């Protein structure tokens, strides 16, 4: 039928085009997904602080594509600043019996004799250390970290405390 046993029939060669088109479409889709995934916003200096999913505010933990070492660094640094273990901080954040809401990191800090101003320094320092880890890992650029930290430093204390509390409760 064919002179060369390795030649393809025209019918078979024609079936390859849709397959190639599908493969190309998938590659373009994956490239777009990669480009617009939340961690890319962080490394390109967008509003994401740590590569997390963001809704315009940096540091929101939704989706958590950041490596666990980032959250561990923040939690351990805050716990050390409060003279507690991570487990003790998490325990202190649990709502008392009969109450639905956590008392928050500010409550845990005040129980330890830590002022609001001291707590702010502890929280900012912890987040900076988390960013440093991501920068060293190549997940976050220094510029992205600097921009994210600038945003976080402008948060009011209640917003900062809410984020920190949420990070401890969700890990």
N, C-alpha and C. Protein backbone atom coordinates (compact mmCIF):
# COMPACT_ATOMS: atom_id res chain seq x y z
N UNK A 1 0.81 -1.18 0.00
CA UNK A 1 0.00 0.00 0.00
C UNK A 1 0.86 1.25 0.00
N UNK A 2 1.84 1.34 0.92
CA UNK A 2 2.76 2.47 0.95
C UNK A 2 4.14 1.96 0.62
N UNK A 3 4.94 2.82 -0.03
CA UNK A 3 6.30 2.42 -0.39
C UNK A 3 7.14 2.23 0.87
N UNK A 4 6.93 3.05 1.82
CA UNK A 4 7.71 2.98 3.06
C UNK A 4 6.77 2.59 4.18
N UNK A 5 7.12 1.55 4.90
CA UNK A 5 6.21 1.09 5.95
C UNK A 5 6.04 2.10 7.08
N UNK A 6 6.92 3.10 7.16
CA UNK A 6 6.84 4.10 8.23
C UNK A 6 6.05 5.34 7.81
N UNK A 7 5.64 5.42 6.55
CA UNK A 7 4.84 6.55 6.11
C UNK A 7 3.45 6.44 6.68
N UNK A 8 2.87 7.61 7.00
CA UNK A 8 1.51 7.60 7.53
C UNK A 8 0.51 7.77 6.41
N UNK A 9 -0.62 7.23 6.63
CA UNK A 9 -1.68 7.43 5.65
C UNK A 9 -2.17 8.87 5.79
N UNK A 10 -2.68 9.49 4.73
CA UNK A 10 -3.21 10.85 4.82
C UNK A 10 -4.34 10.93 5.85
N UNK A 11 -5.13 9.88 5.96
CA UNK A 11 -6.24 9.86 6.92
C UNK A 11 -5.70 9.95 8.35
N UNK A 12 -4.67 9.19 8.66
CA UNK A 12 -4.08 9.19 10.01
C UNK A 12 -3.39 10.51 10.32
N UNK A 13 -2.68 11.07 9.36
CA UNK A 13 -2.01 12.36 9.56
C UNK A 13 -3.03 13.45 9.82
N UNK A 14 -4.20 13.38 9.20
CA UNK A 14 -5.24 14.39 9.40
C UNK A 14 -5.83 14.36 10.79
N UNK A 15 -5.77 13.21 11.46
CA UNK A 15 -6.29 13.10 12.82
C UNK A 15 -5.34 13.69 13.85
N UNK A 16 -4.11 13.92 13.45
CA UNK A 16 -3.12 14.44 14.39
C UNK A 16 -3.34 15.93 14.67
N UNK A 17 -3.86 16.69 13.72
CA UNK A 17 -4.03 18.13 13.91
C UNK A 17 -4.93 18.49 15.08
N UNK A 18 -6.08 17.87 15.23
CA UNK A 18 -6.90 18.21 16.39
C UNK A 18 -6.19 17.91 17.71
N UNK A 19 -5.42 16.84 17.72
CA UNK A 19 -4.66 16.50 18.92
C UNK A 19 -3.60 17.54 19.22
N UNK A 20 -2.91 17.98 18.19
CA UNK A 20 -1.90 19.02 18.36
C UNK A 20 -2.54 20.34 18.81
N UNK A 21 -3.68 20.66 18.23
CA UNK A 21 -4.39 21.88 18.62
C UNK A 21 -4.81 21.80 20.09
N UNK A 22 -5.31 20.64 20.51
CA UNK A 22 -5.71 20.46 21.91
C UNK A 22 -4.50 20.60 22.84
N UNK A 23 -3.39 19.99 22.46
CA UNK A 23 -2.17 20.10 23.27
C UNK A 23 -1.71 21.55 23.36
N UNK A 24 -1.75 22.25 22.25
CA UNK A 24 -1.37 23.67 22.26
C UNK A 24 -2.29 24.50 23.14
N UNK A 25 -3.57 24.22 23.05
CA UNK A 25 -4.55 24.93 23.89
C UNK A 25 -4.28 24.69 25.37
N UNK A 26 -3.98 23.44 25.73
CA UNK A 26 -3.68 23.11 27.12
C UNK A 26 -2.42 23.81 27.60
N UNK A 27 -1.40 23.87 26.75
CA UNK A 27 -0.16 24.55 27.14
C UNK A 27 -0.38 26.04 27.36
N UNK A 28 -1.14 26.66 26.46
CA UNK A 28 -1.45 28.08 26.63
C UNK A 28 -2.27 28.29 27.89
N UNK A 29 -3.23 27.42 28.15
CA UNK A 29 -4.04 27.52 29.37
C UNK A 29 -3.20 27.40 30.62
N UNK A 30 -2.29 26.44 30.63
CA UNK A 30 -1.41 26.27 31.80
C UNK A 30 -0.50 27.48 31.97
N UNK A 31 0.01 28.01 30.86
CA UNK A 31 0.87 29.20 30.95
C UNK A 31 0.09 30.37 31.53
N UNK A 32 -1.15 30.56 31.10
CA UNK A 32 -1.97 31.64 31.64
C UNK A 32 -2.30 31.41 33.10
N UNK A 33 -2.61 30.18 33.47
CA UNK A 33 -2.88 29.86 34.86
C UNK A 33 -1.66 30.19 35.72
N UNK A 34 -0.50 29.79 35.24
CA UNK A 34 0.74 30.06 35.97
C UNK A 34 0.96 31.57 36.10
N UNK A 35 0.74 32.30 35.01
CA UNK A 35 0.98 33.74 35.00
C UNK A 35 0.07 34.48 35.97
N UNK A 36 -1.16 34.06 36.07
CA UNK A 36 -2.11 34.80 36.88
C UNK A 36 -2.40 34.15 38.22
N UNK A 37 -1.67 33.12 38.57
CA UNK A 37 -1.84 32.50 39.88
C UNK A 37 -1.38 33.48 40.95
N UNK A 38 -1.97 33.48 42.14
CA UNK A 38 -1.65 34.48 43.16
C UNK A 38 -0.17 34.63 43.50
N UNK A 39 0.62 33.55 43.47
CA UNK A 39 2.01 33.73 43.86
C UNK A 39 2.76 34.57 42.84
N UNK A 40 2.28 34.63 41.61
CA UNK A 40 2.93 35.46 40.61
C UNK A 40 2.73 36.93 40.93
N UNK A 41 1.61 37.30 41.50
CA UNK A 41 1.38 38.70 41.86
C UNK A 41 2.41 39.16 42.86
N UNK A 42 2.76 38.28 43.78
CA UNK A 42 3.74 38.64 44.79
C UNK A 42 5.10 38.86 44.18
N UNK A 43 5.54 37.97 43.30
CA UNK A 43 6.87 38.11 42.77
C UNK A 43 6.96 39.20 41.72
N UNK A 44 5.84 39.64 41.19
CA UNK A 44 5.89 40.73 40.23
C UNK A 44 5.61 42.06 40.90
N UNK A 45 5.48 42.06 42.22
CA UNK A 45 5.28 43.30 42.94
C UNK A 45 3.83 43.73 43.01
N UNK A 46 2.89 42.81 42.83
CA UNK A 46 1.48 43.15 42.89
C UNK A 46 1.03 43.35 44.33
N UNK A 47 -0.26 43.32 44.55
CA UNK A 47 -0.75 43.60 45.88
C UNK A 47 -0.61 42.44 46.83
N UNK A 48 -0.36 41.25 46.32
CA UNK A 48 -0.18 40.12 47.24
C UNK A 48 1.12 40.31 48.00
N UNK A 49 1.08 40.01 49.26
CA UNK A 49 2.25 40.19 50.09
C UNK A 49 3.10 38.95 50.10
N UNK A 50 2.49 37.82 50.15
CA UNK A 50 3.24 36.60 50.38
C UNK A 50 2.95 35.55 49.35
N UNK A 51 2.34 35.94 48.28
CA UNK A 51 1.96 34.94 47.30
C UNK A 51 0.63 34.31 47.63
N UNK A 52 -0.07 34.83 48.58
CA UNK A 52 -1.36 34.27 48.93
C UNK A 52 -2.43 34.87 48.06
N UNK A 53 -3.57 34.22 48.03
CA UNK A 53 -4.70 34.78 47.31
C UNK A 53 -5.07 36.09 47.97
N UNK A 54 -5.34 37.07 47.18
CA UNK A 54 -5.62 38.37 47.75
C UNK A 54 -6.86 38.99 47.15
N UNK A 55 -7.51 39.79 47.93
CA UNK A 55 -8.67 40.53 47.43
C UNK A 55 -8.36 42.01 47.53
N UNK A 56 -7.11 42.37 47.28
CA UNK A 56 -6.70 43.76 47.35
C UNK A 56 -6.01 44.09 48.66
N UNK A 57 -6.06 43.20 49.63
CA UNK A 57 -5.34 43.42 50.87
C UNK A 57 -4.28 42.35 50.98
N UNK A 58 -3.09 42.77 51.32
CA UNK A 58 -1.98 41.84 51.35
C UNK A 58 -2.06 40.93 52.56
N UNK A 59 -1.58 39.72 52.39
CA UNK A 59 -1.46 38.80 53.51
C UNK A 59 -2.67 37.96 53.81
N UNK A 60 -3.71 38.06 53.03
CA UNK A 60 -4.88 37.22 53.27
C UNK A 60 -4.49 35.79 52.95
N UNK A 61 -4.83 34.88 53.83
CA UNK A 61 -4.33 33.52 53.72
C UNK A 61 -5.17 32.60 52.83
N UNK A 62 -6.25 33.06 52.27
CA UNK A 62 -7.12 32.20 51.46
C UNK A 62 -6.31 31.49 50.38
N UNK A 63 -6.51 30.21 50.25
CA UNK A 63 -5.85 29.45 49.21
C UNK A 63 -4.47 28.94 49.60
N UNK A 64 -3.80 29.62 50.40
CA UNK A 64 -2.49 29.32 50.96
C UNK A 64 -1.52 28.56 50.04
N UNK A 65 -1.06 29.22 48.96
CA UNK A 65 -0.04 28.57 48.16
C UNK A 65 1.35 28.70 48.77
N UNK A 66 1.49 29.49 49.81
CA UNK A 66 2.78 29.65 50.45
C UNK A 66 3.20 28.36 51.14
N UNK A 67 4.49 28.13 51.18
CA UNK A 67 4.96 26.90 51.86
C UNK A 67 4.69 26.99 53.36
N UNK A 68 4.51 25.87 54.00
CA UNK A 68 4.23 25.87 55.44
C UNK A 68 5.29 26.59 56.27
N UNK A 69 6.54 26.62 55.79
CA UNK A 69 7.60 27.27 56.56
C UNK A 69 7.31 28.76 56.75
N UNK A 70 6.60 29.36 55.82
CA UNK A 70 6.23 30.78 55.94
C UNK A 70 5.35 30.98 57.17
N UNK A 71 4.28 30.17 57.26
CA UNK A 71 3.34 30.31 58.38
C UNK A 71 4.00 29.89 59.68
N UNK A 72 4.84 28.86 59.63
CA UNK A 72 5.54 28.41 60.85
C UNK A 72 6.46 29.50 61.36
N UNK A 73 7.14 30.18 60.45
CA UNK A 73 8.04 31.27 60.85
C UNK A 73 7.27 32.37 61.55
N UNK A 74 6.14 32.76 60.98
CA UNK A 74 5.32 33.82 61.59
C UNK A 74 4.82 33.36 62.97
N UNK A 75 4.26 32.17 63.03
CA UNK A 75 3.70 31.69 64.29
C UNK A 75 4.78 31.56 65.37
N UNK A 76 5.92 30.98 65.02
CA UNK A 76 6.98 30.79 66.01
C UNK A 76 7.54 32.12 66.49
N UNK A 77 7.69 33.08 65.59
CA UNK A 77 8.21 34.39 65.98
C UNK A 77 7.24 35.11 66.90
N UNK A 78 5.96 35.05 66.59
CA UNK A 78 4.96 35.70 67.45
C UNK A 78 4.91 35.00 68.80
N UNK A 79 4.89 33.68 68.79
CA UNK A 79 4.85 32.93 70.06
C UNK A 79 6.06 33.28 70.93
N UNK A 80 7.25 33.34 70.32
CA UNK A 80 8.45 33.71 71.09
C UNK A 80 8.31 35.11 71.66
N UNK A 81 7.78 36.03 70.85
CA UNK A 81 7.58 37.41 71.32
C UNK A 81 6.61 37.49 72.48
N UNK A 82 5.68 36.56 72.53
CA UNK A 82 4.69 36.52 73.62
C UNK A 82 5.16 35.64 74.78
N UNK A 83 6.35 35.07 74.65
CA UNK A 83 6.92 34.18 75.68
C UNK A 83 6.05 32.94 75.88
N UNK A 84 5.55 32.43 74.74
CA UNK A 84 4.70 31.23 74.75
C UNK A 84 5.16 30.29 73.64
N UNK A 85 4.62 29.10 73.64
CA UNK A 85 4.81 28.19 72.51
C UNK A 85 3.68 28.45 71.52
N UNK A 86 3.85 27.95 70.30
CA UNK A 86 2.79 28.08 69.30
C UNK A 86 1.52 27.40 69.81
N UNK A 87 1.66 26.24 70.42
CA UNK A 87 0.49 25.52 70.95
C UNK A 87 -0.21 26.35 72.04
N UNK A 88 0.55 27.02 72.88
CA UNK A 88 -0.06 27.84 73.93
C UNK A 88 -0.81 29.03 73.32
N UNK A 89 -0.24 29.64 72.28
CA UNK A 89 -0.93 30.75 71.62
C UNK A 89 -2.24 30.24 71.01
N UNK A 90 -2.16 29.13 70.31
CA UNK A 90 -3.38 28.57 69.69
C UNK A 90 -4.42 28.22 70.75
N UNK A 91 -3.96 27.67 71.86
CA UNK A 91 -4.89 27.36 72.95
C UNK A 91 -5.52 28.61 73.53
N UNK A 92 -4.73 29.66 73.66
CA UNK A 92 -5.25 30.93 74.19
C UNK A 92 -6.23 31.61 73.25
N UNK A 93 -6.18 31.26 71.98
CA UNK A 93 -7.08 31.85 71.00
C UNK A 93 -8.42 31.12 70.89
N UNK A 94 -8.49 29.94 71.46
CA UNK A 94 -9.73 29.18 71.39
C UNK A 94 -10.81 29.87 72.21
N UNK A 95 -12.03 29.93 71.68
CA UNK A 95 -13.10 30.59 72.43
C UNK A 95 -13.38 29.88 73.74
N UNK A 96 -13.68 30.64 74.77
CA UNK A 96 -14.07 30.01 76.04
C UNK A 96 -15.36 29.22 75.85
N UNK A 97 -15.62 28.24 76.73
CA UNK A 97 -16.86 27.46 76.62
C UNK A 97 -18.09 28.37 76.56
N UNK A 98 -18.95 28.07 75.62
CA UNK A 98 -20.18 28.83 75.47
C UNK A 98 -20.02 30.07 74.61
N UNK A 99 -18.81 30.36 74.15
CA UNK A 99 -18.58 31.53 73.30
C UNK A 99 -18.16 31.04 71.92
N UNK A 100 -18.64 31.71 70.88
CA UNK A 100 -18.35 31.28 69.52
C UNK A 100 -17.06 31.86 68.96
N UNK A 101 -16.74 33.09 69.32
CA UNK A 101 -15.62 33.79 68.70
C UNK A 101 -14.37 33.73 69.56
N UNK A 102 -13.24 33.69 68.86
CA UNK A 102 -11.94 33.73 69.52
C UNK A 102 -11.77 35.08 70.21
N UNK A 103 -10.98 35.07 71.27
CA UNK A 103 -10.69 36.32 71.96
C UNK A 103 -9.65 37.14 71.21
N UNK A 104 -8.89 36.53 70.33
CA UNK A 104 -7.94 37.25 69.50
C UNK A 104 -6.55 37.32 70.10
N UNK A 105 -5.60 37.62 69.23
CA UNK A 105 -4.20 37.68 69.62
C UNK A 105 -3.95 38.81 70.62
N UNK A 106 -4.71 39.90 70.51
CA UNK A 106 -4.53 41.02 71.45
C UNK A 106 -4.84 40.58 72.87
N UNK A 107 -5.84 39.74 73.03
CA UNK A 107 -6.19 39.23 74.36
C UNK A 107 -5.07 38.35 74.91
N UNK A 108 -4.55 37.47 74.06
CA UNK A 108 -3.45 36.59 74.48
C UNK A 108 -2.25 37.44 74.89
N UNK A 109 -1.96 38.47 74.10
CA UNK A 109 -0.82 39.34 74.41
C UNK A 109 -1.03 40.08 75.73
N UNK A 110 -2.22 40.60 75.94
CA UNK A 110 -2.46 41.35 77.18
C UNK A 110 -2.36 40.44 78.40
N UNK A 111 -2.76 39.19 78.25
CA UNK A 111 -2.62 38.23 79.35
C UNK A 111 -1.16 37.98 79.69
N UNK A 112 -0.29 38.22 78.72
CA UNK A 112 1.15 38.04 78.92
C UNK A 112 1.84 39.34 79.33
N UNK A 113 1.05 40.40 79.50
CA UNK A 113 1.63 41.68 79.89
C UNK A 113 2.26 42.43 78.73
N UNK A 114 1.86 42.08 77.50
CA UNK A 114 2.39 42.73 76.30
C UNK A 114 1.43 43.84 75.89
N UNK A 115 1.97 45.04 75.73
CA UNK A 115 1.14 46.18 75.33
C UNK A 115 0.77 46.07 73.85
N UNK A 116 -0.20 46.87 73.44
CA UNK A 116 -0.62 46.88 72.04
C UNK A 116 0.55 47.32 71.15
N UNK A 117 1.31 48.30 71.57
CA UNK A 117 2.46 48.77 70.79
C UNK A 117 3.52 47.67 70.67
N UNK A 118 3.76 46.95 71.75
CA UNK A 118 4.73 45.84 71.70
C UNK A 118 4.22 44.73 70.79
N UNK A 119 2.92 44.44 70.86
CA UNK A 119 2.34 43.41 70.02
C UNK A 119 2.50 43.76 68.55
N UNK A 120 2.27 45.01 68.21
CA UNK A 120 2.42 45.44 66.82
C UNK A 120 3.84 45.18 66.32
N UNK A 121 4.82 45.51 67.14
CA UNK A 121 6.22 45.29 66.76
C UNK A 121 6.48 43.79 66.57
N UNK A 122 5.95 42.98 67.47
CA UNK A 122 6.12 41.52 67.38
C UNK A 122 5.49 41.00 66.09
N UNK A 123 4.27 41.45 65.79
CA UNK A 123 3.56 40.97 64.60
C UNK A 123 4.27 41.38 63.31
N UNK A 124 4.66 42.64 63.23
CA UNK A 124 5.34 43.14 62.03
C UNK A 124 6.67 42.41 61.84
N UNK A 125 7.41 42.23 62.92
CA UNK A 125 8.69 41.52 62.87
C UNK A 125 8.48 40.09 62.38
N UNK A 126 7.45 39.43 62.87
CA UNK A 126 7.18 38.04 62.48
C UNK A 126 6.84 37.95 61.00
N UNK A 127 6.02 38.85 60.51
CA UNK A 127 5.64 38.82 59.10
C UNK A 127 6.86 39.13 58.23
N UNK A 128 7.70 40.07 58.68
CA UNK A 128 8.93 40.36 57.94
C UNK A 128 9.83 39.13 57.86
N UNK A 129 9.94 38.40 58.97
CA UNK A 129 10.75 37.18 58.96
C UNK A 129 10.16 36.13 58.01
N UNK A 130 8.83 36.05 57.97
CA UNK A 130 8.19 35.15 57.02
C UNK A 130 8.50 35.54 55.59
N UNK A 131 8.46 36.83 55.32
CA UNK A 131 8.80 37.33 53.98
C UNK A 131 10.25 37.01 53.64
N UNK A 132 11.13 37.18 54.61
CA UNK A 132 12.55 36.90 54.36
C UNK A 132 12.74 35.45 53.93
N UNK A 133 11.99 34.55 54.55
CA UNK A 133 12.06 33.14 54.16
C UNK A 133 11.63 32.97 52.71
N UNK A 134 10.53 33.61 52.33
CA UNK A 134 10.04 33.49 50.96
C UNK A 134 11.01 34.10 49.95
N UNK A 135 11.64 35.21 50.35
CA UNK A 135 12.63 35.83 49.46
C UNK A 135 13.82 34.88 49.27
N UNK A 136 14.31 34.31 50.37
CA UNK A 136 15.43 33.36 50.27
C UNK A 136 15.08 32.15 49.41
N UNK A 137 13.82 31.73 49.45
CA UNK A 137 13.38 30.58 48.67
C UNK A 137 13.11 30.94 47.21
N UNK A 138 13.12 32.23 46.90
CA UNK A 138 12.84 32.67 45.54
C UNK A 138 11.37 32.71 45.20
N UNK A 139 10.51 32.61 46.19
CA UNK A 139 9.07 32.64 45.97
C UNK A 139 8.57 34.07 45.89
N UNK A 140 9.26 34.96 46.57
CA UNK A 140 8.87 36.37 46.65
C UNK A 140 10.12 37.20 46.35
N UNK A 141 9.98 38.22 45.52
CA UNK A 141 11.12 39.10 45.26
C UNK A 141 11.28 40.07 46.43
N UNK A 142 12.45 40.64 46.54
CA UNK A 142 12.67 41.63 47.60
C UNK A 142 11.73 42.82 47.39
N UNK A 143 11.55 43.22 46.15
CA UNK A 143 10.64 44.33 45.86
C UNK A 143 9.20 43.98 46.27
N UNK A 144 8.77 42.77 45.97
CA UNK A 144 7.43 42.33 46.37
C UNK A 144 7.29 42.31 47.88
N UNK A 145 8.33 41.86 48.56
CA UNK A 145 8.32 41.84 50.02
C UNK A 145 8.23 43.26 50.58
N UNK A 146 9.06 44.13 50.04
CA UNK A 146 9.08 45.52 50.53
C UNK A 146 7.71 46.18 50.34
N UNK A 147 7.11 45.96 49.17
CA UNK A 147 5.80 46.56 48.90
C UNK A 147 4.73 45.96 49.82
N UNK A 148 4.79 44.64 50.01
CA UNK A 148 3.82 44.00 50.89
C UNK A 148 3.97 44.47 52.32
N UNK A 149 5.20 44.58 52.78
CA UNK A 149 5.43 45.03 54.16
C UNK A 149 4.98 46.48 54.33
N UNK A 150 5.17 47.29 53.31
CA UNK A 150 4.70 48.68 53.39
C UNK A 150 3.18 48.70 53.57
N UNK A 151 2.49 47.85 52.84
CA UNK A 151 1.03 47.76 52.97
C UNK A 151 0.65 47.32 54.39
N UNK A 152 1.31 46.29 54.87
CA UNK A 152 0.99 45.75 56.20
C UNK A 152 1.27 46.78 57.29
N UNK A 153 2.35 47.53 57.16
CA UNK A 153 2.67 48.55 58.17
C UNK A 153 1.60 49.64 58.25
N UNK A 154 0.83 49.79 57.18
CA UNK A 154 -0.25 50.78 57.18
C UNK A 154 -1.57 50.23 57.71
N UNK A 155 -1.63 48.94 57.97
CA UNK A 155 -2.85 48.39 58.55
C UNK A 155 -3.04 48.94 59.95
N UNK A 156 -4.31 49.18 60.32
CA UNK A 156 -4.58 49.55 61.71
C UNK A 156 -4.37 48.31 62.57
N UNK A 157 -4.28 48.51 63.87
CA UNK A 157 -3.95 47.40 64.76
C UNK A 157 -5.01 46.30 64.74
N UNK A 158 -6.27 46.68 64.65
CA UNK A 158 -7.34 45.67 64.64
C UNK A 158 -7.22 44.77 63.41
N UNK A 159 -6.91 45.34 62.26
CA UNK A 159 -6.76 44.55 61.03
C UNK A 159 -5.58 43.60 61.16
N UNK A 160 -4.47 44.12 61.64
CA UNK A 160 -3.28 43.28 61.83
C UNK A 160 -3.57 42.14 62.80
N UNK A 161 -4.20 42.47 63.92
CA UNK A 161 -4.54 41.43 64.91
C UNK A 161 -5.49 40.38 64.32
N UNK A 162 -6.46 40.83 63.54
CA UNK A 162 -7.41 39.89 62.92
C UNK A 162 -6.70 38.91 61.99
N UNK A 163 -5.77 39.43 61.20
CA UNK A 163 -5.03 38.55 60.29
C UNK A 163 -4.18 37.55 61.08
N UNK A 164 -3.47 38.04 62.07
CA UNK A 164 -2.60 37.15 62.87
C UNK A 164 -3.45 36.10 63.58
N UNK A 165 -4.54 36.53 64.17
CA UNK A 165 -5.43 35.57 64.84
C UNK A 165 -5.90 34.50 63.87
N UNK A 166 -6.33 34.93 62.69
CA UNK A 166 -6.80 34.00 61.67
C UNK A 166 -5.72 33.02 61.24
N UNK A 167 -4.49 33.51 61.12
CA UNK A 167 -3.40 32.61 60.72
C UNK A 167 -3.19 31.52 61.76
N UNK A 168 -3.22 31.91 63.02
CA UNK A 168 -3.03 30.90 64.08
C UNK A 168 -4.20 29.92 64.12
N UNK A 169 -5.39 30.40 63.96
CA UNK A 169 -6.58 29.54 64.06
C UNK A 169 -6.73 28.61 62.86
N UNK A 170 -6.21 29.01 61.72
CA UNK A 170 -6.40 28.22 60.50
C UNK A 170 -5.24 27.29 60.19
N UNK A 171 -4.24 27.25 61.01
CA UNK A 171 -3.11 26.34 60.77
C UNK A 171 -3.18 25.16 61.71
